[in-house]
PDB file of N, CA and C in Angstrom:
ATOM      1  N   MET A   1      95.684 126.711 102.277  1.00  0.00           N
ATOM      2  CA  MET A   1      95.644 126.484 103.204  1.00  0.00           C
ATOM      3  C   MET A   1      96.845 127.156 104.148  1.00  0.00           C
ATOM      4  N   ASP A   2      96.442 128.015 105.453  1.00  0.00           N
ATOM      5  CA  ASP A   2      97.630 128.079 105.742  1.00  0.00           C
ATOM      6  C   ASP A   2      98.217 126.959 106.439  1.00  0.00           C
ATOM      7  N   GLU A   3     100.080 127.164 106.996  1.00  0.00           N
ATOM      8  CA  GLU A   3     100.782 126.269 107.516  1.00  0.00           C
ATOM      9  C   GLU A   3      99.974 125.339 108.719  1.00  0.00           C
ATOM     10  N   SER A   4      99.203 125.976 109.565  1.00  0.00           N
ATOM     11  CA  SER A   4      99.000 124.790 111.021  1.00  0.00           C
ATOM     12  C   SER A   4      97.750 124.248 110.819  1.00  0.00           C
ATOM     13  N   SER A   5      97.285 124.320 109.198  1.00  0.00           N
ATOM     14  CA  SER A   5      96.206 123.464 108.932  1.00  0.00           C
ATOM     15  C   SER A   5      96.758 122.330 107.480  1.00  0.00           C
ATOM     16  N   ALA A   6      97.219 122.779 107.147  1.00  0.00           N
ATOM     17  CA  ALA A   6      98.641 122.124 106.217  1.00  0.00           C
ATOM     18  C   ALA A   6      99.263 121.132 106.820  1.00  0.00           C
ATOM     19  N   GLU A   7      99.785 121.085 108.347  1.00  0.00           N
ATOM     20  CA  GLU A   7      99.929 120.115 109.172  1.00  0.00           C
ATOM     21  C   GLU A   7      98.949 119.248 109.558  1.00  0.00           C
ATOM     22  N   VAL A   8      97.908 119.795 109.963  1.00  0.00           N
ATOM     23  CA  VAL A   8      97.069 118.645 110.083  1.00  0.00           C
ATOM     24  C   VAL A   8      96.152 117.611 109.102  1.00  0.00           C
ATOM     25  N   PHE A   9      96.725 118.066 107.763  1.00  0.00           N
ATOM     26  CA  PHE A   9      96.354 117.341 106.334  1.00  0.00           C
ATOM     27  C   PHE A   9      97.849 116.566 105.950  1.00  0.00           C
ATOM     28  N   ASP A  10      98.384 116.750 106.748  1.00  0.00           N
ATOM     29  CA  ASP A  10      99.671 115.823 106.066  1.00  0.00           C
ATOM     30  C   ASP A  10      99.587 114.864 105.358  1.00  0.00           C
ATOM     31  N   PHE A  11      98.877 113.722 105.702  1.00  0.00           N
ATOM     32  CA  PHE A  11      98.789 112.410 106.079  1.00  0.00           C
ATOM     33  C   PHE A  11      98.058 111.847 104.353  1.00  0.00           C
ATOM     34  N   LEU A  12      97.603 112.967 103.989  1.00  0.00           N
ATOM     35  CA  LEU A  12      96.520 112.723 102.730  1.00  0.00           C
ATOM     36  C   LEU A  12      97.744 112.108 101.279  1.00  0.00           C
ATOM     37  N   ASP A  13      99.017 112.172 101.802  1.00  0.00           N
ATOM     38  CA  ASP A  13     100.067 111.399 100.623  1.00  0.00           C
ATOM     39  C   ASP A  13      99.657 109.937 101.088  1.00  0.00           C
ATOM     40  N   GLY A  14      99.029 109.518 101.697  1.00  0.00           N
ATOM     41  CA  GLY A  14      99.547 107.850 102.568  1.00  0.00           C
ATOM     42  C   GLY A  14      98.037 107.360 101.629  1.00  0.00           C
ATOM     43  N   ASP A  15      97.398 106.506 102.305  1.00  0.00           N
ATOM     44  CA  ASP A  15      96.490 105.215 101.938  1.00  0.00           C
ATOM     45  C   ASP A  15      95.523 105.478 102.139  1.00  0.00           C
ATOM     46  N   SER A  16      95.059 106.952 101.782  1.00  0.00           N
ATOM     47  CA  SER A  16      93.537 107.212 101.706  1.00  0.00           C
ATOM     48  C   SER A  16      92.469 106.720 100.411  1.00  0.00           C
ATOM     49  N   PHE A  17      91.666 106.594 100.738  1.00  0.00           N
ATOM     50  CA  PHE A  17      90.745 105.932  99.507  1.00  0.00           C
ATOM     51  C   PHE A  17      89.132 106.543  99.760  1.00  0.00           C
ATOM     52  N   VAL A  18      88.564 107.038  98.988  1.00  0.00           N
ATOM     53  CA  VAL A  18      86.768 107.088  98.789  1.00  0.00           C
ATOM     54  C   VAL A  18      86.294 105.645  98.037  1.00  0.00           C
ATOM     55  N   GLU A  19      85.560 105.316  98.832  1.00  0.00           N
ATOM     56  CA  GLU A  19      84.169 104.515  98.517  1.00  0.00           C
ATOM     57  C   GLU A  19      83.007 105.147  98.061  1.00  0.00           C
ATOM     58  N   ASP A  20      82.748 104.683  97.173  1.00  0.00           N
ATOM     59  CA  ASP A  20      80.938 105.291  95.872  1.00  0.00           C
ATOM     60  C   ASP A  20      80.083 104.671  96.956  1.00  0.00           C
ATOM     61  N   LEU A  21      79.557 104.866  97.666  1.00  0.00           N
ATOM     62  CA  LEU A  21      78.221 104.035  98.518  1.00  0.00           C
ATOM     63  C   LEU A  21      76.927 104.146  97.572  1.00  0.00           C
ATOM     64  N   GLY A  22      76.533 104.176  96.158  1.00  0.00           N
ATOM     65  CA  GLY A  22      75.760 104.390  94.977  1.00  0.00           C
ATOM     66  C   GLY A  22      74.907 105.576  96.052  1.00  0.00           C
ATOM     67  N   ASN A  23      73.736 106.572  95.028  1.00  0.00           N
ATOM     68  CA  ASN A  23      73.176 106.937  95.121  1.00  0.00           C
ATOM     69  C   ASN A  23      73.812 108.280  95.533  1.00  0.00           C
ATOM     70  N   GLY A  24      75.202 108.757  95.296  1.00  0.00           N
ATOM     71  CA  GLY A  24      76.065 110.234  95.309  1.00  0.00           C
ATOM     72  C   GLY A  24      76.457 109.803  96.585  1.00  0.00           C
ATOM     73  N   HIS A  25      76.372 109.002  97.175  1.00  0.00           N
ATOM     74  CA  HIS A  25      76.547 109.313  98.875  1.00  0.00           C
ATOM     75  C   HIS A  25      77.994 108.245  99.129  1.00  0.00           C
ATOM     76  N   SER A  26      79.070 108.865  99.862  1.00  0.00           N
ATOM     77  CA  SER A  26      80.154 108.437  99.743  1.00  0.00           C
ATOM     78  C   SER A  26      80.947 108.476 101.065  1.00  0.00           C
ATOM     79  N   VAL A  27      82.302 107.672 101.509  1.00  0.00           N
ATOM     80  CA  VAL A  27      82.709 107.529 102.341  1.00  0.00           C
ATOM     81  C   VAL A  27      84.402 108.129 101.852  1.00  0.00           C
ATOM     82  N   MET A  28      84.919 108.380 102.710  1.00  0.00           N
ATOM     83  CA  MET A  28      86.284 108.823 102.734  1.00  0.00           C
ATOM     84  C   MET A  28      87.443 108.656 103.605  1.00  0.00           C
ATOM     85  N   VAL A  29      88.062 108.042 103.908  1.00  0.00           N
ATOM     86  CA  VAL A  29      89.198 107.238 104.593  1.00  0.00           C
ATOM     87  C   VAL A  29      90.429 107.340 104.502  1.00  0.00           C
ATOM     88  N   MET A  30      90.896 107.988 105.424  1.00  0.00           N
ATOM     89  CA  MET A  30      92.256 109.059 105.563  1.00  0.00           C
ATOM     90  C   MET A  30      93.731 108.517 105.673  1.00  0.00           C
ATOM     91  N   ILE A  31      93.579 107.455 106.941  1.00  0.00           N
ATOM     92  CA  ILE A  31      94.567 106.625 107.792  1.00  0.00           C
ATOM     93  C   ILE A  31      93.745 105.583 107.480  1.00  0.00           C
ATOM     94  N   PRO A  32      93.414 104.458 106.855  1.00  0.00           N
ATOM     95  CA  PRO A  32      92.765 102.773 107.347  1.00  0.00           C
ATOM     96  C   PRO A  32      93.106 102.446 108.323  1.00  0.00           C
ATOM     97  N   GLU A  33      94.450 102.406 108.030  1.00  0.00           N
ATOM     98  CA  GLU A  33      95.177 101.734 109.287  1.00  0.00           C
ATOM     99  C   GLU A  33      94.929 102.223 111.121  1.00  0.00           C
ATOM    100  N   LEU A  34      94.113 103.490 111.018  1.00  0.00           N
ATOM    101  CA  LEU A  34      93.818 104.067 112.404  1.00  0.00           C
ATOM    102  C   LEU A  34      92.170 104.433 112.485  1.00  0.00           C
ATOM    103  N   VAL A  35      91.479 103.297 111.776  1.00  0.00           N
ATOM    104  CA  VAL A  35      89.704 103.809 111.916  1.00  0.00           C
ATOM    105  C   VAL A  35      89.526 103.227 112.862  1.00  0.00           C
ATOM    106  N   ASP A  36      89.909 101.692 113.606  1.00  0.00           N
ATOM    107  CA  ASP A  36      89.359 100.820 114.495  1.00  0.00           C
ATOM    108  C   ASP A  36      90.328 101.766 116.159  1.00  0.00           C
ATOM    109  N   LEU A  37      89.276 101.712 116.716  1.00  0.00           N
ATOM    110  CA  LEU A  37      90.195 102.532 118.127  1.00  0.00           C
ATOM    111  C   LEU A  37      90.794 101.993 119.016  1.00  0.00           C
ATOM    112  N   GLU A  38      90.470 100.787 118.702  1.00  0.00           N
ATOM    113  CA  GLU A  38      91.108  99.158 119.783  1.00  0.00           C
ATOM    114  C   GLU A  38      91.672  98.713 118.934  1.00  0.00           C
ATOM    115  N   ASP A  39      91.831  98.557 117.324  1.00  0.00           N
ATOM    116  CA  ASP A  39      92.854  97.277 116.985  1.00  0.00           C
ATOM    117  C   ASP A  39      93.685  97.601 117.146  1.00  0.00           C
ATOM    118  N   LYS A  40      95.318  96.803 117.347  1.00  0.00           N
ATOM    119  CA  LYS A  40      96.347  97.157 117.077  1.00  0.00           C
ATOM    120  C   LYS A  40      97.169  98.155 118.146  1.00  0.00           C
ATOM    121  N   LEU A  41      96.654  98.451 119.157  1.00  0.00           N
ATOM    122  CA  LEU A  41      97.144  99.519 119.830  1.00  0.00           C
ATOM    123  C   LEU A  41      97.866  99.767 119.614  1.00  0.00           C
ATOM    124  N   ASP A  42      99.739  98.514 119.923  1.00  0.00           N
ATOM    125  CA  ASP A  42     100.673  98.497 119.538  1.00  0.00           C
ATOM    126  C   ASP A  42     101.810  99.120 118.727  1.00  0.00           C
ATOM    127  N   THR A  43     100.666  99.397 117.142  1.00  0.00           N
ATOM    128  CA  THR A  43     101.151  99.942 116.025  1.00  0.00           C
ATOM    129  C   THR A  43     101.418 101.506 116.903  1.00  0.00           C
ATOM    130  N   PRO A  44     102.555 101.943 116.245  1.00  0.00           N
ATOM    131  CA  PRO A  44     103.426 103.335 116.350  1.00  0.00           C
ATOM    132  C   PRO A  44     102.882 103.981 116.108  1.00  0.00           C
ATOM    133  N   ILE A  45     102.321 105.725 117.024  1.00  0.00           N
ATOM    134  CA  ILE A  45     101.572 106.563 116.722  1.00  0.00           C
ATOM    135  C   ILE A  45     101.994 107.913 115.623  1.00  0.00           C
ATOM    136  N   PRO A  46     101.946 108.179 114.543  1.00  0.00           N
ATOM    137  CA  PRO A  46     102.710 108.748 113.729  1.00  0.00           C
ATOM    138  C   PRO A  46     102.929 109.811 114.132  1.00  0.00           C
ATOM    139  N   GLU A  47     104.709 109.976 113.626  1.00  0.00           N
ATOM    140  CA  GLU A  47     105.290 110.875 114.285  1.00  0.00           C
ATOM    141  C   GLU A  47     104.698 112.390 114.501  1.00  0.00           C
ATOM    142  N   ARG A  48     103.396 113.013 113.245  1.00  0.00           N
ATOM    143  CA  ARG A  48     103.174 113.604 113.350  1.00  0.00           C
ATOM    144  C   ARG A  48     101.949 114.363 113.843  1.00  0.00           C
ATOM    145  N   PHE A  49     102.003 113.741 115.401  1.00  0.00           N
ATOM    146  CA  PHE A  49     101.036 113.509 116.555  1.00  0.00           C
ATOM    147  C   PHE A  49     101.942 113.828 117.658  1.00  0.00           C
ATOM    148  N   GLU A  50     103.327 113.713 117.911  1.00  0.00           N
ATOM    149  CA  GLU A  50     103.750 114.120 118.581  1.00  0.00           C
ATOM    150  C   GLU A  50     103.344 115.087 119.554  1.00  0.00           C
ATOM    151  N   ALA A  51     103.046 115.954 119.606  1.00  0.00           N
ATOM    152  CA  ALA A  51     103.080 117.236 120.431  1.00  0.00           C
ATOM    153  C   ALA A  51     101.826 116.953 120.612  1.00  0.00           C
ATOM    154  N   PHE A  52     100.670 116.738 120.178  1.00  0.00           N
ATOM    155  CA  PHE A  52      99.286 115.736 120.691  1.00  0.00           C
ATOM    156  C   PHE A  52      99.293 114.969 121.760  1.00  0.00           C
ATOM    157  N   VAL A  53     100.310 113.686 121.685  1.00  0.00           N
ATOM    158  CA  VAL A  53     100.841 112.453 122.669  1.00  0.00           C
ATOM    159  C   VAL A  53     101.437 113.503 123.860  1.00  0.00           C
ATOM    160  N   ASN A  54     101.947 114.306 123.434  1.00  0.00           N
ATOM    161  CA  ASN A  54     102.946 115.217 124.626  1.00  0.00           C
ATOM    162  C   ASN A  54     102.013 115.542 126.007  1.00  0.00           C
ATOM    163  N   ALA A  55     100.880 116.706 125.089  1.00  0.00           N
ATOM    164  CA  ALA A  55     100.115 117.651 125.689  1.00  0.00           C
ATOM    165  C   ALA A  55      98.801 115.876 126.585  1.00  0.00           C
ATOM    166  N   LEU A  56      98.971 114.639 125.928  1.00  0.00           N
ATOM    167  CA  LEU A  56      98.086 114.272 126.965  1.00  0.00           C
ATOM    168  C   LEU A  56      98.585 113.101 127.963  1.00  0.00           C
ATOM    169  N   ARG A  57      99.998 113.086 126.889  1.00  0.00           N
ATOM    170  CA  ARG A  57     100.667 112.711 128.558  1.00  0.00           C
ATOM    171  C   ARG A  57     100.957 113.492 129.628  1.00  0.00           C
ATOM    172  N   ALA A  58     100.697 114.521 129.128  1.00  0.00           N
ATOM    173  CA  ALA A  58     100.906 115.809 130.373  1.00  0.00           C
ATOM    174  C   ALA A  58      99.943 115.987 131.518  1.00  0.00           C
ATOM    175  N   GLU A  59      99.177 115.861 130.782  1.00  0.00           N
ATOM    176  CA  GLU A  59      97.091 115.679 130.984  1.00  0.00           C
ATOM    177  C   GLU A  59      97.305 114.477 132.073  1.00  0.00           C
ATOM    178  N   GLY A  60      98.429 113.530 132.387  1.00  0.00           N
ATOM    179  CA  GLY A  60      98.055 112.023 132.904  1.00  0.00           C
ATOM    180  C   GLY A  60      97.544 111.123 132.263  1.00  0.00           C
ATOM    181  N   GLU A  61      97.040 111.184 130.972  1.00  0.00           N
ATOM    182  CA  GLU A  61      96.423 109.859 130.518  1.00  0.00           C
ATOM    183  C   GLU A  61      97.529 109.324 130.577  1.00  0.00           C
ATOM    184  N   SER A  62      97.330 107.546 130.542  1.00  0.00           N
ATOM    185  CA  SER A  62      97.814 106.282 129.905  1.00  0.00           C
ATOM    186  C   SER A  62      97.751 106.246 129.023  1.00  0.00           C
ATOM    187  N   GLU A  63      99.246 105.279 128.528  1.00  0.00           N
ATOM    188  CA  GLU A  63      98.861 105.039 127.204  1.00  0.00           C
ATOM    189  C   GLU A  63      98.318 104.468 125.788  1.00  0.00           C
ATOM    190  N   ASP A  64      97.487 103.258 126.476  1.00  0.00           N
ATOM    191  CA  ASP A  64      96.116 103.097 125.847  1.00  0.00           C
ATOM    192  C   ASP A  64      95.367 104.157 125.834  1.00  0.00           C
ATOM    193  N   SER A  65      94.888 104.797 126.629  1.00  0.00           N
ATOM    194  CA  SER A  65      94.722 106.413 126.221  1.00  0.00           C
ATOM    195  C   SER A  65      94.479 106.939 125.357  1.00  0.00           C
ATOM    196  N   VAL A  66      96.296 107.698 125.284  1.00  0.00           N
ATOM    197  CA  VAL A  66      96.427 108.485 124.659  1.00  0.00           C
ATOM    198  C   VAL A  66      96.700 107.610 123.082  1.00  0.00           C
ATOM    199  N   LYS A  67      96.901 106.721 122.875  1.00  0.00           N
ATOM    200  CA  LYS A  67      96.879 106.269 121.592  1.00  0.00           C
ATOM    201  C   LYS A  67      95.553 105.551 121.189  1.00  0.00           C
ATOM    202  N   ARG A  68      94.492 106.287 122.209  1.00  0.00           N
ATOM    203  CA  ARG A  68      92.731 105.710 121.545  1.00  0.00           C
ATOM    204  C   ARG A  68      92.498 107.065 121.063  1.00  0.00           C
ATOM    205  N   LEU A  69      92.680 108.277 122.222  1.00  0.00           N
ATOM    206  CA  LEU A  69      92.502 109.651 122.017  1.00  0.00           C
ATOM    207  C   LEU A  69      93.125 110.020 120.254  1.00  0.00           C
ATOM    208  N   VAL A  70      94.592 109.608 120.265  1.00  0.00           N
ATOM    209  CA  VAL A  70      94.802 109.783 119.137  1.00  0.00           C
ATOM    210  C   VAL A  70      94.033 109.320 118.148  1.00  0.00           C
ATOM    211  N   ARG A  71      93.524 108.671 118.197  1.00  0.00           N
ATOM    212  CA  ARG A  71      92.612 108.636 116.615  1.00  0.00           C
ATOM    213  C   ARG A  71      91.358 108.788 116.693  1.00  0.00           C
ATOM    214  N   ALA A  72      90.983 109.029 117.395  1.00  0.00           N
ATOM    215  CA  ALA A  72      89.739 109.121 117.859  1.00  0.00           C
ATOM    216  C   ALA A  72      89.177 110.761 117.393  1.00  0.00           C
ATOM    217  N   VAL A  73      90.850 112.439 117.850  1.00  0.00           N
ATOM    218  CA  VAL A  73      90.247 113.243 117.499  1.00  0.00           C
ATOM    219  C   VAL A  73      91.427 113.406 116.039  1.00  0.00           C
ATOM    220  N   GLY A  74      92.127 112.515 116.198  1.00  0.00           N
ATOM    221  CA  GLY A  74      93.105 112.820 114.732  1.00  0.00           C
ATOM    222  C   GLY A  74      93.386 111.998 113.976  1.00  0.00           C
ATOM    223  N   GLY A  75      92.848 110.475 113.944  1.00  0.00           N
ATOM    224  CA  GLY A  75      93.418 109.792 112.741  1.00  0.00           C
ATOM    225  C   GLY A  75      92.450 109.011 112.671  1.00  0.00           C
ATOM    226  N   SER A  76      90.932 108.751 112.994  1.00  0.00           N
ATOM    227  CA  SER A  76      90.094 108.047 113.065  1.00  0.00           C
ATOM    228  C   SER A  76      90.646 108.182 111.244  1.00  0.00           C
ATOM    229  N   GLY A  77      89.843 109.422 111.166  1.00  0.00           N
ATOM    230  CA  GLY A  77      90.331 109.428 109.319  1.00  0.00           C
ATOM    231  C   GLY A  77      89.349 108.998 108.795  1.00  0.00           C
ATOM    232  N   PHE A  78      87.701 109.434 108.835  1.00  0.00           N
ATOM    233  CA  PHE A  78      86.822 109.256 108.250  1.00  0.00           C
ATOM    234  C   PHE A  78      85.580 110.506 107.846  1.00  0.00           C
ATOM    235  N   ASN A  79      85.460 110.376 106.793  1.00  0.00           N
ATOM    236  CA  ASN A  79      84.437 111.490 106.090  1.00  0.00           C
ATOM    237  C   ASN A  79      83.637 110.795 106.111  1.00  0.00           C
ATOM    238  N   LEU A  80      81.551 110.877 106.480  1.00  0.00           N
ATOM    239  CA  LEU A  80      80.609 110.094 105.633  1.00  0.00           C
ATOM    240  C   LEU A  80      80.395 111.086 104.762  1.00  0.00           C
ATOM    241  N   ASN A  81      79.869 111.650 103.673  1.00  0.00           N
ATOM    242  CA  ASN A  81      79.132 112.182 103.120  1.00  0.00           C
ATOM    243  C   ASN A  81      77.604 111.891 102.239  1.00  0.00           C
ATOM    244  N   LEU A  82      76.361 112.057 103.067  1.00  0.00           N
ATOM    245  CA  LEU A  82      75.286 112.224 102.428  1.00  0.00           C
ATOM    246  C   LEU A  82      74.782 113.219 101.456  1.00  0.00           C
ATOM    247  N   PHE A  83      74.035 112.529  99.808  1.00  0.00           N
ATOM    248  CA  PHE A  83      73.721 113.587  99.178  1.00  0.00           C
ATOM    249  C   PHE A  83      72.387 113.517  99.546  1.00  0.00           C
ATOM    250  N   PRO A  84      72.311 114.825  99.324  1.00  0.00           N
ATOM    251  CA  PRO A  84      73.115 116.386  98.933  1.00  0.00           C
ATOM    252  C   PRO A  84      73.727 116.963  99.500  1.00  0.00           C
ATOM    253  N   ASN A  85      73.895 117.128 100.841  1.00  0.00           N
ATOM    254  CA  ASN A  85      74.381 118.454 101.520  1.00  0.00           C
ATOM    255  C   ASN A  85      74.899 117.766 103.190  1.00  0.00           C
ATOM    256  N   VAL A  86      75.066 116.473 103.478  1.00  0.00           N
ATOM    257  CA  VAL A  86      74.917 115.779 104.868  1.00  0.00           C
ATOM    258  C   VAL A  86      76.455 116.035 104.671  1.00  0.00           C
ATOM    259  N   ALA A  87      76.957 116.235 105.865  1.00  0.00           N
ATOM    260  CA  ALA A  87      78.898 115.314 106.248  1.00  0.00           C
ATOM    261  C   ALA A  87      79.275 114.916 107.610  1.00  0.00           C
ATOM    262  N   CYS A  88      79.678 113.707 107.347  1.00  0.00           N
ATOM    263  CA  CYS A  88      79.725 113.966 109.587  1.00  0.00           C
ATOM    264  C   CYS A  88      81.387 113.071 109.072  1.00  0.00           C
ATOM    265  N   SER A  89      81.736 112.634 110.468  1.00  0.00           N
ATOM    266  CA  SER A  89      82.675 111.954 110.758  1.00  0.00           C
ATOM    267  C   SER A  89      82.895 112.413 112.237  1.00  0.00           C
ATOM    268  N   MET A  90      84.012 111.910 112.788  1.00  0.00           N
ATOM    269  CA  MET A  90      83.964 111.583 114.466  1.00  0.00           C
ATOM    270  C   MET A  90      84.160 112.838 114.905  1.00  0.00           C
ATOM    271  N   ALA A  91      84.329 113.760 114.467  1.00  0.00           N
ATOM    272  CA  ALA A  91      84.874 114.850 114.994  1.00  0.00           C
ATOM    273  C   ALA A  91      83.897 116.323 114.225  1.00  0.00           C
ATOM    274  N   PHE A  92      83.189 116.021 113.430  1.00  0.00           N
ATOM    275  CA  PHE A  92      81.998 117.167 113.074  1.00  0.00           C
ATOM    276  C   PHE A  92      80.991 115.895 112.739  1.00  0.00           C
ATOM    277  N   PHE A  93      79.383 117.042 112.394  1.00  0.00           N
ATOM    278  CA  PHE A  93      78.690 117.464 111.666  1.00  0.00           C
ATOM    279  C   PHE A  93      78.641 118.516 110.846  1.00  0.00           C
ATOM    280  N   ARG A  94      78.080 118.337 109.256  1.00  0.00           N
ATOM    281  CA  ARG A  94      78.346 119.721 108.592  1.00  0.00           C
ATOM    282  C   ARG A  94      77.004 119.346 107.582  1.00  0.00           C
ATOM    283  N   VAL A  95      76.423 120.360 107.536  1.00  0.00           N
ATOM    284  CA  VAL A  95      74.888 120.633 106.529  1.00  0.00           C
ATOM    285  C   VAL A  95      75.664 121.763 105.593  1.00  0.00           C
ATOM    286  N   LEU A  96      75.739 121.197 104.427  1.00  0.00           N
ATOM    287  CA  LEU A  96      75.385 122.810 103.417  1.00  0.00           C
ATOM    288  C   LEU A  96      74.024 122.584 102.690  1.00  0.00           C
ATOM    289  N   ASN A  97      74.077 124.282 102.644  1.00  0.00           N
ATOM    290  CA  ASN A  97      72.815 124.877 102.203  1.00  0.00           C
ATOM    291  C   ASN A  97      73.604 125.702 100.717  1.00  0.00           C
ATOM    292  N   PRO A  98      72.943 125.457  99.477  1.00  0.00           N
ATOM    293  CA  PRO A  98      73.212 126.116  98.894  1.00  0.00           C
ATOM    294  C   PRO A  98      71.998 127.738  98.463  1.00  0.00           C
ATOM    295  N   LEU A  99      73.263 128.390  98.642  1.00  0.00           N
ATOM    296  CA  LEU A  99      72.115 130.310  98.868  1.00  0.00           C
ATOM    297  C   LEU A  99      71.954 130.592  97.119  1.00  0.00           C
ATOM    298  N   THR A 100      72.884 130.953  96.520  1.00  0.00           N
ATOM    299  CA  THR A 100      72.715 131.033  95.036  1.00  0.00           C
ATOM    300  C   THR A 100      73.880 129.674  94.271  1.00  0.00           C
ATOM    301  N   VAL A 101      74.298 130.737  93.010  1.00  0.00           N
ATOM    302  CA  VAL A 101      74.568 130.017  92.445  1.00  0.00           C
ATOM    303  C   VAL A 101      76.366 130.095  92.927  1.00  0.00           C
ATOM    304  N   ASN A 102      76.522 131.014  93.734  1.00  0.00           N
ATOM    305  CA  ASN A 102      78.055 131.683  94.149  1.00  0.00           C
ATOM    306  C   ASN A 102      77.748 131.528  95.729  1.00  0.00           C
ATOM    307  N   GLN A 103      77.331 131.302  96.404  1.00  0.00           N
ATOM    308  CA  GLN A 103      76.986 131.154  97.973  1.00  0.00           C
ATOM    309  C   GLN A 103      76.415 130.153  98.672  1.00  0.00           C
ATOM    310  N   THR A 104      77.054 129.566  99.380  1.00  0.00           N
ATOM    311  CA  THR A 104      76.628 128.175 100.277  1.00  0.00           C
ATOM    312  C   THR A 104      77.109 128.776 101.367  1.00  0.00           C
ATOM    313  N   GLU A 105      76.209 127.740 102.859  1.00  0.00           N
ATOM    314  CA  GLU A 105      76.244 128.290 103.376  1.00  0.00           C
ATOM    315  C   GLU A 105      76.528 127.248 104.542  1.00  0.00           C
ATOM    316  N   ILE A 106      76.925 127.223 105.413  1.00  0.00           N
ATOM    317  CA  ILE A 106      77.729 125.609 105.930  1.00  0.00           C
ATOM    318  C   ILE A 106      77.534 125.766 107.441  1.00  0.00           C
ATOM    319  N   GLN A 107      76.441 124.454 107.970  1.00  0.00           N
ATOM    320  CA  GLN A 107      76.639 124.599 109.382  1.00  0.00           C
ATOM    321  C   GLN A 107      77.007 123.514 109.619  1.00  0.00           C
ATOM    322  N   HIS A 108      78.155 124.168 110.551  1.00  0.00           N
ATOM    323  CA  HIS A 108      79.620 122.783 111.407  1.00  0.00           C
ATOM    324  C   HIS A 108      79.466 123.181 112.763  1.00  0.00           C
ATOM    325  N   ILE A 109      79.144 121.349 113.098  1.00  0.00           N
ATOM    326  CA  ILE A 109      79.215 121.507 114.699  1.00  0.00           C
ATOM    327  C   ILE A 109      80.153 120.358 114.971  1.00  0.00           C
ATOM    328  N   ALA A 110      80.844 121.163 115.633  1.00  0.00           N
ATOM    329  CA  ALA A 110      81.994 120.290 116.291  1.00  0.00           C
ATOM    330  C   ALA A 110      81.466 119.365 117.189  1.00  0.00           C
ATOM    331  N   ILE A 111      82.314 117.776 116.975  1.00  0.00           N
ATOM    332  CA  ILE A 111      81.949 117.157 118.740  1.00  0.00           C
ATOM    333  C   ILE A 111      83.032 116.991 119.703  1.00  0.00           C
ATOM    334  N   GLY A 112      82.300 117.277 120.244  1.00  0.00           N
ATOM    335  CA  GLY A 112      83.466 117.454 121.712  1.00  0.00           C
ATOM    336  C   GLY A 112      83.263 116.048 122.200  1.00  0.00           C
ATOM    337  N   GLY A 113      83.730 115.743 123.205  1.00  0.00           N
ATOM    338  CA  GLY A 113      83.743 115.159 124.263  1.00  0.00           C
ATOM    339  C   GLY A 113      83.082 115.277 125.631  1.00  0.00           C
ATOM    340  N   ASP A 114      82.416 114.973 126.200  1.00  0.00           N
ATOM    341  CA  ASP A 114      82.083 114.997 127.891  1.00  0.00           C
ATOM    342  C   ASP A 114      83.307 114.566 128.545  1.00  0.00           C
ATOM    343  N   GLY A 115      83.983 115.056 129.263  1.00  0.00           N
ATOM    344  CA  GLY A 115      84.764 114.618 130.231  1.00  0.00           C
ATOM    345  C   GLY A 115      85.853 114.519 129.800  1.00  0.00           C
ATOM    346  N   ALA A 116      86.304 114.456 128.338  1.00  0.00           N
ATOM    347  CA  ALA A 116      87.526 114.357 127.211  1.00  0.00           C
ATOM    348  C   ALA A 116      88.975 115.479 127.624  1.00  0.00           C
ATOM    349  N   PRO A 117      89.801 115.026 127.748  1.00  0.00           N
ATOM    350  CA  PRO A 117      91.170 115.710 128.427  1.00  0.00           C
ATOM    351  C   PRO A 117      90.981 116.973 127.761  1.00  0.00           C
ATOM    352  N   ILE A 118      91.535 118.311 127.610  1.00  0.00           N
ATOM    353  CA  ILE A 118      91.034 119.457 127.468  1.00  0.00           C
ATOM    354  C   ILE A 118      92.559 119.859 126.097  1.00  0.00           C
ATOM    355  N   TYR A 119      93.448 118.827 125.811  1.00  0.00           N
ATOM    356  CA  TYR A 119      94.214 119.386 124.514  1.00  0.00           C
ATOM    357  C   TYR A 119      93.184 118.254 123.088  1.00  0.00           C
ATOM    358  N   PRO A 120      93.009 117.486 123.698  1.00  0.00           N
ATOM    359  CA  PRO A 120      91.766 116.977 122.399  1.00  0.00           C
ATOM    360  C   PRO A 120      91.008 117.870 122.138  1.00  0.00           C
ATOM    361  N   LYS A 121      90.253 118.484 122.852  1.00  0.00           N
ATOM    362  CA  LYS A 121      89.079 119.360 122.757  1.00  0.00           C
ATOM    363  C   LYS A 121      89.764 120.437 121.510  1.00  0.00           C
ATOM    364  N   ARG A 122      90.673 121.135 122.263  1.00  0.00           N
ATOM    365  CA  ARG A 122      91.552 122.278 121.660  1.00  0.00           C
ATOM    366  C   ARG A 122      91.458 121.945 119.508  1.00  0.00           C
ATOM    367  N   PHE A 123      92.507 120.311 120.077  1.00  0.00           N
ATOM    368  CA  PHE A 123      92.994 120.042 118.832  1.00  0.00           C
ATOM    369  C   PHE A 123      91.411 119.314 118.092  1.00  0.00           C
ATOM    370  N   ARG A 124      90.457 119.238 117.786  1.00  0.00           N
ATOM    371  CA  ARG A 124      89.596 118.957 117.574  1.00  0.00           C
ATOM    372  C   ARG A 124      88.583 120.295 116.938  1.00  0.00           C
ATOM    373  N   PHE A 125      88.640 121.113 117.802  1.00  0.00           N
ATOM    374  CA  PHE A 125      87.817 122.356 117.655  1.00  0.00           C
ATOM    375  C   PHE A 125      88.718 123.434 116.552  1.00  0.00           C
ATOM    376  N   ARG A 126      89.728 123.578 116.579  1.00  0.00           N
ATOM    377  CA  ARG A 126      90.786 124.135 115.515  1.00  0.00           C
ATOM    378  C   ARG A 126      91.024 123.315 114.062  1.00  0.00           C
ATOM    379  N   CYS A 127      90.202 121.857 113.931  1.00  0.00           N
ATOM    380  CA  CYS A 127      90.324 121.266 112.433  1.00  0.00           C
ATOM    381  C   CYS A 127      89.275 121.772 112.308  1.00  0.00           C
TER     382      CYS A 127
END
C-alpha cells in the first residue's frame, strides 16, 4: 500500500471488529464510535482528519456539517459483505466476479454526494 493509502487506513489499530451475520455474510466496523452521523457530535474529530477538516472549513461548512461529513466520508467506517461477491459501505458498492483461478473482475462504484462539498468528493474517490 502506498503512503497516501496507508494514512487513510491508519485507524485499523483501533477498536474495529467484524461481526458474523451468518451464511457467509459479515459486517466490518472500523471506527465504532463514529458510525452514527448524528450521535455525540461534541466528540473531538480524530487528528488524522485535520487536512479534511481544514478543507471543509475553507469551503464554508459549519462545524456540525464538518463533523457529519468527516463521519460520512472517512469515519463511518463499515463494510457490509454479502456472500459470495457483494460489498458495500457509505462510500462504495462493489461486485467481485471470479474469472479464472488467478483473475477476478471487480466492479467498483464510488458513491458521491449530489451537491456535496468538493473536498469530500475527492477524498472519497481517492479511497
